[in-house]
Amino acid sequence: MINFLRLVRYKNLLIIILTQYLMRWGIIKPILEIYDFELQFSDLNFFFLVMATVFITAAGYVINDYFDTKTDLVNRPETVIVGRILNRRWAILLHVILNTIGIGLGVYISFYIGIPALSIVFILITGILWFYSTTYKRQFLIGNIIVAFLTALVPLMVILFEIPLLNNEYGLLMKEMQLNFTQIILWVSAFAMFAFLLSMIREIIKDVEDFEGDSAYGRKTMPIILGVLNTKIVIITFILTTLFSLLYINFRFLHDVITLIYFVVVLIFPLLFLIYKVIVAENKKDYRRASNLSKLIMLAGILYSLIANYIIIQNF
């Protein structure tokens, strides 16, 4: 069981669950209560949405490890499970089972909200994860962008399935009141943008960490193509972009002291420290620590939704 949990990256799956529930209860629900509206996606079906995301993501991790066995034996041999602890055929079977459950749940909730076409989203994600593992992650930048995009999609999935039901229930009333659900979309999209940037930062750091194995097997990752020094510059550029984005959002839209304090203490200072860690990093251990720090910063960004919940309630 422990090896299975390690294989499917259970910590990452828990962050996915936390993210989607915080978007639902921390952001969407309090905004709806401003207008005396209620969530239309039932708790059970929302649970199915979260589980669909979790199962498909877990399947992606399994197939990624399946195709990465050789490079992982060089980069991080202590983590290799497929081919050593789990038979490769069983890994493929596990991948199929997890994807089948995830897609099945996704198809069900797509039909439930009356938009069967949304089933394609789950099928496409499954395909993207397969081709990412087999091809895209070996190419310059493409793999990083795919992972960052899918990470950003985690919070966006919540509004993708909630907004259509809200429009069905309150659409006419919203037109009469000359209102829309833009505020919900903007809030959740801001979290998605933060997730995209932090994921890009972390993925590129991991590419530098895995330089040895990737180079040995002919991969074309950023540090191999541009060199480690230039890759560090790219990472720092992404970190600075994240920093300035946080400050811009606060001063342009929020004007909130609590948010500013949270951003500075929990996000900006750690991001500045991450820049330092990237600059002085020299070996695998250094880059692994930087990668772990970036994950903690991403988690801190997600937890800001608790502060956002308070701000939304207090301001309205």
Foldseek 3Di string as FASTA:
>chain_A
DVLLCLQLVVVVLVLLVLLQVLLVPLFPQLVCVVVPHHFDQDPVLSVLLSLLLSLLSSLLSLLLLLLCVQLCCVLPVVSRCDPPPHDSVVSVVSSVVSLVSSLVSQQVLCVVLPHNVSSVVSVVSSVVSNCLSVPQVLAEPRSLQNQLQSQLVSLVSNCVRGQSSCCVVCVVVCVVVVHHCVSSVVVSNVLSVLSSLLSSLLSLLVCVSSVVSSVVVNGHYDCVPPNLVVSLVVSLVSLVVSLVVQVCCCVVPPVDPVSVVLCVPLAVVLSVVLNVLSVPDDHNVSSVVSSVSSVSNSSSSSVCSNVVSVSSNVVD
